[in-house]
Amino acid sequence: MIMMANDTALQFDAKTETVKPVQYDGELDTLLDLLDTDMIDTIRIDKQHIIFVDDEGFLKQLKTGFRVTHEKRAVQWAGSGLLTGDCYGSNAPVALSISDLEIEVLKFEYERE
């Protein structure tokens, strides 16, 4: 396990289909820029970590997303995501490394109307 700095998060980038550490200052504007969206939702993966995601990823019919499994709990979303530490609603260090997570890039197909 790696404890990253308080201002570091893991970015799941749907455009490049990669996961990498990024600087995150806890500000909403920074979050919206990193996710390339204007509406966010959160997914809790354990007591200490959340993933911010594009709330409208499936509605926008984004074609790439991720499935993350941690301690036998799998979550998935369409679009990009940002995994951060959470301490009672405040930004906290990420106490996980990429190797602690099972990460899959997903490709979505939508039916045409």
C-alpha atoms as a PDB file:
ATOM      1  CA  MET A   1       0.000   0.000   0.000  1.00  0.00           C
ATOM      2  CA  ILE A   2       1.245   3.469  -0.858  1.00  0.00           C
ATOM      3  CA  MET A   3       0.090   6.564   1.006  1.00  0.00           C
ATOM      4  CA  MET A   4       0.077   9.381  -1.515  1.00  0.00           C
ATOM      5  CA  ALA A   5       0.233  13.064  -0.716  1.00  0.00           C
ATOM      6  CA  ASN A   6      -2.936  14.769   0.421  1.00  0.00           C
ATOM      7  CA  ASP A   7      -3.245  16.554  -2.938  1.00  0.00           C
ATOM      8  CA  THR A   8      -2.803  13.449  -5.115  1.00  0.00           C
ATOM      9  CA  ALA A   9      -5.564  11.332  -6.654  1.00  0.00           C
ATOM     10  CA  LEU A  10      -5.846   8.554  -9.240  1.00  0.00           C
ATOM     11  CA  GLN A  11      -7.387   9.663 -12.522  1.00  0.00           C
ATOM     12  CA  PHE A  12      -9.224   7.165 -14.725  1.00  0.00           C
ATOM     13  CA  ASP A  13      -8.995   8.894 -18.108  1.00  0.00           C
ATOM     14  CA  ALA A  14     -11.591   7.618 -20.588  1.00  0.00           C
ATOM     15  CA  LYS A  15     -10.010   9.465 -23.539  1.00  0.00           C
ATOM     16  CA  THR A  16      -6.606   7.798 -23.165  1.00  0.00           C
ATOM     17  CA  GLU A  17      -7.894   4.647 -21.396  1.00  0.00           C
ATOM     18  CA  THR A  18      -5.236   5.064 -18.710  1.00  0.00           C
ATOM     19  CA  VAL A  19      -4.999   5.397 -14.934  1.00  0.00           C
ATOM     20  CA  LYS A  20      -2.419   7.756 -13.454  1.00  0.00           C
ATOM     21  CA  PRO A  21      -1.708   9.817 -10.327  1.00  0.00           C
ATOM     22  CA  VAL A  22      -2.659  13.487 -10.693  1.00  0.00           C
ATOM     23  CA  GLN A  23      -2.609  16.568  -8.516  1.00  0.00           C
ATOM     24  CA  TYR A  24      -5.998  17.323  -6.981  1.00  0.00           C
ATOM     25  CA  ASP A  25      -6.496  20.289  -4.682  1.00  0.00           C
ATOM     26  CA  GLY A  26     -10.022  19.379  -3.569  1.00  0.00           C
ATOM     27  CA  GLU A  27     -11.589  22.252  -5.509  1.00  0.00           C
ATOM     28  CA  LEU A  28     -14.774  21.724  -7.529  1.00  0.00           C
ATOM     29  CA  ASP A  29     -13.415  23.541 -10.596  1.00  0.00           C
ATOM     30  CA  THR A  30     -10.365  21.269 -10.649  1.00  0.00           C
ATOM     31  CA  LEU A  31     -12.580  18.200 -10.342  1.00  0.00           C
ATOM     32  CA  LEU A  32     -14.859  19.283 -13.182  1.00  0.00           C
ATOM     33  CA  ASP A  33     -11.831  19.954 -15.402  1.00  0.00           C
ATOM     34  CA  LEU A  34     -10.230  16.580 -14.616  1.00  0.00           C
ATOM     35  CA  LEU A  35     -13.479  14.754 -15.417  1.00  0.00           C
ATOM     36  CA  ASP A  36     -14.409  16.987 -18.379  1.00  0.00           C
ATOM     37  CA  THR A  37     -17.976  17.343 -17.123  1.00  0.00           C
ATOM     38  CA  ASP A  38     -20.273  19.733 -15.309  1.00  0.00           C
ATOM     39  CA  MET A  39     -22.210  17.177 -13.216  1.00  0.00           C
ATOM     40  CA  ILE A  40     -20.555  14.754 -10.820  1.00  0.00           C
ATOM     41  CA  ASP A  41     -21.585  11.843  -8.646  1.00  0.00           C
ATOM     42  CA  THR A  42     -19.630   9.823  -6.101  1.00  0.00           C
ATOM     43  CA  ILE A  43     -19.105   6.104  -5.702  1.00  0.00           C
ATOM     44  CA  ARG A  44     -17.754   4.900  -2.365  1.00  0.00           C
ATOM     45  CA  ILE A  45     -15.374   1.952  -2.723  1.00  0.00           C
ATOM     46  CA  ASP A  46     -14.487   1.620   0.972  1.00  0.00           C
ATOM     47  CA  LYS A  47     -14.591   3.679   4.178  1.00  0.00           C
ATOM     48  CA  GLN A  48     -11.606   5.797   3.134  1.00  0.00           C
ATOM     49  CA  HIS A  49     -12.008   6.256  -0.635  1.00  0.00           C
ATOM     50  CA  ILE A  50     -14.479   7.597  -3.152  1.00  0.00           C
ATOM     51  CA  ILE A  51     -14.480   7.853  -6.919  1.00  0.00           C
ATOM     52  CA  PHE A  52     -15.928  10.985  -8.496  1.00  0.00           C
ATOM     53  CA  VAL A  53     -17.556  10.226 -11.864  1.00  0.00           C
ATOM     54  CA  ASP A  54     -19.490  12.006 -14.620  1.00  0.00           C
ATOM     55  CA  ASP A  55     -23.093  11.811 -13.371  1.00  0.00           C
ATOM     56  CA  GLU A  56     -24.393  11.747 -16.938  1.00  0.00           C
ATOM     57  CA  GLY A  57     -21.853   9.330 -18.447  1.00  0.00           C
ATOM     58  CA  PHE A  58     -24.443   6.779 -19.543  1.00  0.00           C
ATOM     59  CA  LEU A  59     -26.974   9.467 -20.495  1.00  0.00           C
ATOM     60  CA  LYS A  60     -24.339  11.069 -22.753  1.00  0.00           C
ATOM     61  CA  GLN A  61     -23.705   7.573 -24.143  1.00  0.00           C
ATOM     62  CA  LEU A  62     -19.977   7.811 -23.473  1.00  0.00           C
ATOM     63  CA  LYS A  63     -18.375   4.828 -25.156  1.00  0.00           C
ATOM     64  CA  THR A  64     -15.513   4.213 -22.692  1.00  0.00           C
ATOM     65  CA  GLY A  65     -15.658   3.664 -18.958  1.00  0.00           C
ATOM     66  CA  PHE A  66     -14.095   1.643 -16.167  1.00  0.00           C
ATOM     67  CA  ARG A  67     -14.839  -1.184 -13.770  1.00  0.00           C
ATOM     68  CA  VAL A  68     -12.857  -1.083 -10.527  1.00  0.00           C
ATOM     69  CA  THR A  69     -12.838  -3.957  -8.072  1.00  0.00           C
ATOM     70  CA  HIS A  70     -11.468  -3.491  -4.567  1.00  0.00           C
ATOM     71  CA  GLU A  71     -11.862  -6.077  -1.814  1.00  0.00           C
ATOM     72  CA  LYS A  72     -14.457  -8.022  -3.871  1.00  0.00           C
ATOM     73  CA  ARG A  73     -16.612  -4.913  -4.471  1.00  0.00           C
ATOM     74  CA  ALA A  74     -16.943  -3.920  -8.129  1.00  0.00           C
ATOM     75  CA  VAL A  75     -18.173  -0.554  -9.377  1.00  0.00           C
ATOM     76  CA  GLN A  76     -18.448   0.683 -12.948  1.00  0.00           C
ATOM     77  CA  TRP A  77     -19.225   3.889 -14.773  1.00  0.00           C
ATOM     78  CA  ALA A  78     -19.088   5.503 -18.207  1.00  0.00           C
ATOM     79  CA  GLY A  79     -16.555   8.276 -18.738  1.00  0.00           C
ATOM     80  CA  SER A  80     -13.630   9.375 -16.604  1.00  0.00           C
ATOM     81  CA  GLY A  81     -13.263   9.084 -12.846  1.00  0.00           C
ATOM     82  CA  LEU A  82     -11.121  10.390 -10.001  1.00  0.00           C
ATOM     83  CA  LEU A  83     -10.313   8.252  -6.960  1.00  0.00           C
ATOM     84  CA  THR A  84      -9.567  10.298  -3.852  1.00  0.00           C
ATOM     85  CA  GLY A  85      -9.213   9.734  -0.170  1.00  0.00           C
ATOM     86  CA  ASP A  86     -12.173  10.835   1.935  1.00  0.00           C
ATOM     87  CA  CYS A  87     -12.168  11.938   5.552  1.00  0.00           C
ATOM     88  CA  TYR A  88     -15.683  13.002   6.592  1.00  0.00           C
ATOM     89  CA  GLY A  89     -16.264  14.767   3.282  1.00  0.00           C
ATOM     90  CA  SER A  90     -12.815  16.369   3.025  1.00  0.00           C
ATOM     91  CA  ASN A  91      -9.965  15.524   0.704  1.00  0.00           C
ATOM     92  CA  ALA A  92      -7.589  12.980   2.273  1.00  0.00           C
ATOM     93  CA  PRO A  93      -4.560  10.970   1.152  1.00  0.00           C
ATOM     94  CA  VAL A  94      -5.170   7.980  -1.105  1.00  0.00           C
ATOM     95  CA  ALA A  95      -4.077   4.918   0.869  1.00  0.00           C
ATOM     96  CA  LEU A  96      -4.274   2.621  -2.178  1.00  0.00           C
ATOM     97  CA  SER A  97      -2.023   2.047  -5.130  1.00  0.00           C
ATOM     98  CA  ILE A  98      -3.033   1.003  -8.610  1.00  0.00           C
ATOM     99  CA  SER A  99      -1.910  -2.547  -7.762  1.00  0.00           C
ATOM    100  CA  ASP A 100      -4.506  -2.692  -4.928  1.00  0.00           C
ATOM    101  CA  LEU A 101      -7.260  -2.360  -7.538  1.00  0.00           C
ATOM    102  CA  GLU A 102      -8.458  -4.603 -10.318  1.00  0.00           C
ATOM    103  CA  ILE A 103      -9.078  -2.173 -13.175  1.00  0.00           C
ATOM    104  CA  GLU A 104     -10.843  -2.914 -16.458  1.00  0.00           C
ATOM    105  CA  VAL A 105     -11.441  -0.516 -19.337  1.00  0.00           C
ATOM    106  CA  LEU A 106     -15.007  -0.971 -20.579  1.00  0.00           C
ATOM    107  CA  LYS A 107     -16.402  -0.293 -24.046  1.00  0.00           C
ATOM    108  CA  PHE A 108     -20.119   0.475 -24.245  1.00  0.00           C
ATOM    109  CA  GLU A 109     -22.376   0.141 -27.259  1.00  0.00           C
ATOM    110  CA  TYR A 110     -25.728   1.848 -27.342  1.00  0.00           C
ATOM    111  CA  GLU A 111     -28.725   1.039 -29.489  1.00  0.00           C
ATOM    112  CA  ARG A 112     -29.654   3.686 -32.021  1.00  0.00           C
ATOM    113  CA  GLU A 113     -33.147   5.075 -31.808  1.00  0.00           C
END
